[in-house]
C-alpha cells in the first residue's frame, strides 16, 4: 500500500464499472454507512456498511462480478481484505469510489 509495491486488489475505474453494469456483468456492493448510501449511490447497488460487513452475508451475485465501493476506495479495500481472509471470491473495487463515479458524471440514485 501507499506506493510500496502493487495493490493486492483489482481496481476498475468508473467508466469500466458503468460498462459492466450496462451489460449486466456486475453487482455493486457499497460499504459506506446507511446515511451516506441514502444521500446517493450507484443505481442498483446494495448497501452493506463496513462497520457490520461480513463476507458470508454478501448477496448472491447470479454469476455477476461483485464490485465493492465506498466514498474514496479505502473502506472498500478494507472490505476486500475481509473477503480474502474469508476466502470469498471477491477481489475487485471501484478505484476512487463513489467520488470517482460522480466526478465522471454517471447517474446517482437516492
C-alpha atoms as a PDB file:
ATOM      1  CA  UNK A   1       0.000   0.000   0.000  1.00  0.00           C
ATOM      2  CA  UNK A   2       0.969   3.672  -0.286  1.00  0.00           C
ATOM      3  CA  UNK A   3       3.157   3.060  -3.309  1.00  0.00           C
ATOM      4  CA  UNK A   4       5.233   0.217  -1.860  1.00  0.00           C
ATOM      5  CA  UNK A   5       4.524  -2.478  -4.427  1.00  0.00           C
ATOM      6  CA  UNK A   6       1.356  -3.385  -6.235  1.00  0.00           C
ATOM      7  CA  UNK A   7      -2.112  -3.350  -4.737  1.00  0.00           C
ATOM      8  CA  UNK A   8      -3.362  -6.852  -3.997  1.00  0.00           C
ATOM      9  CA  UNK A   9      -6.854  -5.821  -5.048  1.00  0.00           C
ATOM     10  CA  UNK A  10      -8.130  -5.464  -8.586  1.00  0.00           C
ATOM     11  CA  UNK A  11      -9.291  -1.917  -9.288  1.00  0.00           C
ATOM     12  CA  UNK A  12     -11.580  -0.772 -12.054  1.00  0.00           C
ATOM     13  CA  UNK A  13     -12.468   2.797 -12.957  1.00  0.00           C
ATOM     14  CA  UNK A  14     -15.926   4.354 -13.060  1.00  0.00           C
ATOM     15  CA  UNK A  15     -16.251   4.016 -16.839  1.00  0.00           C
ATOM     16  CA  UNK A  16     -15.352   0.324 -16.697  1.00  0.00           C
ATOM     17  CA  UNK A  17     -17.904  -0.258 -13.938  1.00  0.00           C
ATOM     18  CA  UNK A  18     -20.599   1.626 -15.872  1.00  0.00           C
ATOM     19  CA  UNK A  19     -19.895  -0.588 -18.907  1.00  0.00           C
ATOM     20  CA  UNK A  20     -20.093  -3.744 -16.771  1.00  0.00           C
ATOM     21  CA  UNK A  21     -23.383  -2.601 -15.241  1.00  0.00           C
ATOM     22  CA  UNK A  22     -24.773  -1.770 -18.666  1.00  0.00           C
ATOM     23  CA  UNK A  23     -24.004  -5.323 -19.816  1.00  0.00           C
ATOM     24  CA  UNK A  24     -25.425  -6.854 -16.625  1.00  0.00           C
ATOM     25  CA  UNK A  25     -21.983  -8.150 -15.647  1.00  0.00           C
ATOM     26  CA  UNK A  26     -21.588  -6.580 -12.182  1.00  0.00           C
ATOM     27  CA  UNK A  27     -23.273  -6.348  -8.802  1.00  0.00           C
ATOM     28  CA  UNK A  28     -22.139  -3.322  -6.793  1.00  0.00           C
ATOM     29  CA  UNK A  29     -21.872  -3.596  -3.006  1.00  0.00           C
ATOM     30  CA  UNK A  30     -21.470  -0.194  -1.318  1.00  0.00           C
ATOM     31  CA  UNK A  31     -19.739  -0.437   2.077  1.00  0.00           C
ATOM     32  CA  UNK A  32     -20.472   3.139   3.188  1.00  0.00           C
ATOM     33  CA  UNK A  33     -22.726   3.675   6.187  1.00  0.00           C
ATOM     34  CA  UNK A  34     -26.506   3.714   5.607  1.00  0.00           C
ATOM     35  CA  UNK A  35     -26.779   7.511   5.923  1.00  0.00           C
ATOM     36  CA  UNK A  36     -24.077   8.026   3.271  1.00  0.00           C
ATOM     37  CA  UNK A  37     -25.747   5.479   0.999  1.00  0.00           C
ATOM     38  CA  UNK A  38     -29.113   7.233   1.405  1.00  0.00           C
ATOM     39  CA  UNK A  39     -27.533  10.535   0.295  1.00  0.00           C
ATOM     40  CA  UNK A  40     -26.681   8.986  -3.088  1.00  0.00           C
ATOM     41  CA  UNK A  41     -25.310   5.764  -4.547  1.00  0.00           C
ATOM     42  CA  UNK A  42     -24.645   3.914  -7.777  1.00  0.00           C
ATOM     43  CA  UNK A  43     -28.007   2.806  -9.201  1.00  0.00           C
ATOM     44  CA  UNK A  44     -28.859  -0.773  -8.278  1.00  0.00           C
ATOM     45  CA  UNK A  45     -26.127  -1.087  -5.664  1.00  0.00           C
ATOM     46  CA  UNK A  46     -26.615  -2.957  -2.391  1.00  0.00           C
ATOM     47  CA  UNK A  47     -25.625  -1.380   0.942  1.00  0.00           C
ATOM     48  CA  UNK A  48     -23.503  -3.433   3.359  1.00  0.00           C
ATOM     49  CA  UNK A  49     -21.778  -0.987   5.749  1.00  0.00           C
ATOM     50  CA  UNK A  50     -18.168  -1.794   6.580  1.00  0.00           C
ATOM     51  CA  UNK A  51     -18.966  -1.451  10.308  1.00  0.00           C
ATOM     52  CA  UNK A  52     -21.029  -4.652  10.096  1.00  0.00           C
ATOM     53  CA  UNK A  53     -19.569  -6.158   6.893  1.00  0.00           C
ATOM     54  CA  UNK A  54     -19.396  -9.950   6.770  1.00  0.00           C
ATOM     55  CA  UNK A  55     -18.283 -11.618   3.530  1.00  0.00           C
ATOM     56  CA  UNK A  56     -20.552 -14.568   4.302  1.00  0.00           C
ATOM     57  CA  UNK A  57     -23.551 -12.199   4.067  1.00  0.00           C
ATOM     58  CA  UNK A  58     -22.770 -10.980   0.534  1.00  0.00           C
ATOM     59  CA  UNK A  59     -25.826 -11.302  -1.711  1.00  0.00           C
ATOM     60  CA  UNK A  60     -25.908 -13.977  -4.409  1.00  0.00           C
ATOM     61  CA  UNK A  61     -24.282 -12.479  -7.494  1.00  0.00           C
ATOM     62  CA  UNK A  62     -26.129 -14.541 -10.077  1.00  0.00           C
ATOM     63  CA  UNK A  63     -22.876 -15.079 -11.949  1.00  0.00           C
ATOM     64  CA  UNK A  64     -22.017 -11.365 -11.975  1.00  0.00           C
ATOM     65  CA  UNK A  65     -18.752  -9.946 -10.681  1.00  0.00           C
ATOM     66  CA  UNK A  66     -19.183  -8.393  -7.242  1.00  0.00           C
ATOM     67  CA  UNK A  67     -17.542  -4.967  -7.170  1.00  0.00           C
ATOM     68  CA  UNK A  68     -17.151  -3.187  -3.835  1.00  0.00           C
ATOM     69  CA  UNK A  69     -17.263   0.581  -3.482  1.00  0.00           C
ATOM     70  CA  UNK A  70     -17.208   3.284  -0.799  1.00  0.00           C
ATOM     71  CA  UNK A  71     -16.593   7.030  -0.957  1.00  0.00           C
ATOM     72  CA  UNK A  72     -12.937   7.069  -1.996  1.00  0.00           C
ATOM     73  CA  UNK A  73     -11.632   3.486  -2.088  1.00  0.00           C
ATOM     74  CA  UNK A  74     -10.209   2.997   1.408  1.00  0.00           C
ATOM     75  CA  UNK A  75     -13.149   1.233   3.058  1.00  0.00           C
ATOM     76  CA  UNK A  76     -13.849  -0.965   0.035  1.00  0.00           C
ATOM     77  CA  UNK A  77     -10.198  -2.062   0.195  1.00  0.00           C
ATOM     78  CA  UNK A  78     -10.663  -2.933   3.871  1.00  0.00           C
ATOM     79  CA  UNK A  79     -13.792  -4.931   2.978  1.00  0.00           C
ATOM     80  CA  UNK A  80     -11.794  -6.755   0.275  1.00  0.00           C
ATOM     81  CA  UNK A  81      -9.211  -7.656   2.926  1.00  0.00           C
ATOM     82  CA  UNK A  82     -12.023  -9.260   4.922  1.00  0.00           C
ATOM     83  CA  UNK A  83     -13.142 -11.138   1.810  1.00  0.00           C
ATOM     84  CA  UNK A  84      -9.657 -12.514   1.174  1.00  0.00           C
ATOM     85  CA  UNK A  85      -9.351 -13.666   4.792  1.00  0.00           C
ATOM     86  CA  UNK A  86     -12.717 -15.416   4.444  1.00  0.00           C
ATOM     87  CA  UNK A  87     -11.604 -16.851   1.068  1.00  0.00           C
ATOM     88  CA  UNK A  88     -14.556 -15.254  -0.707  1.00  0.00           C
ATOM     89  CA  UNK A  89     -14.167 -14.875  -4.476  1.00  0.00           C
ATOM     90  CA  UNK A  90     -14.458 -11.088  -4.338  1.00  0.00           C
ATOM     91  CA  UNK A  91     -11.338  -9.190  -5.371  1.00  0.00           C
ATOM     92  CA  UNK A  92     -12.439  -6.011  -7.174  1.00  0.00           C
ATOM     93  CA  UNK A  93     -13.326  -2.493  -6.121  1.00  0.00           C
ATOM     94  CA  UNK A  94     -14.026   0.851  -7.736  1.00  0.00           C
ATOM     95  CA  UNK A  95     -10.877   2.986  -7.821  1.00  0.00           C
ATOM     96  CA  UNK A  96     -11.735   6.336  -6.261  1.00  0.00           C
ATOM     97  CA  UNK A  97     -15.094   5.019  -5.059  1.00  0.00           C
ATOM     98  CA  UNK A  98     -18.366   6.902  -5.317  1.00  0.00           C
ATOM     99  CA  UNK A  99     -16.406  10.155  -5.620  1.00  0.00           C
ATOM    100  CA  UNK A 100     -14.904   8.920  -8.899  1.00  0.00           C
ATOM    101  CA  UNK A 101     -18.352   7.797 -10.063  1.00  0.00           C
ATOM    102  CA  UNK A 102     -19.906  11.234  -9.504  1.00  0.00           C
ATOM    103  CA  UNK A 103     -16.843  13.025 -10.937  1.00  0.00           C
ATOM    104  CA  UNK A 104     -17.336  11.000 -14.133  1.00  0.00           C
ATOM    105  CA  UNK A 105     -20.880  12.405 -14.364  1.00  0.00           C
ATOM    106  CA  UNK A 106     -22.501   8.980 -14.031  1.00  0.00           C
ATOM    107  CA  UNK A 107     -26.057   8.563 -12.685  1.00  0.00           C
ATOM    108  CA  UNK A 108     -26.801   8.656  -8.969  1.00  0.00           C
ATOM    109  CA  UNK A 109     -29.735   7.038  -7.209  1.00  0.00           C
ATOM    110  CA  UNK A 110     -31.202   8.438  -3.983  1.00  0.00           C
END
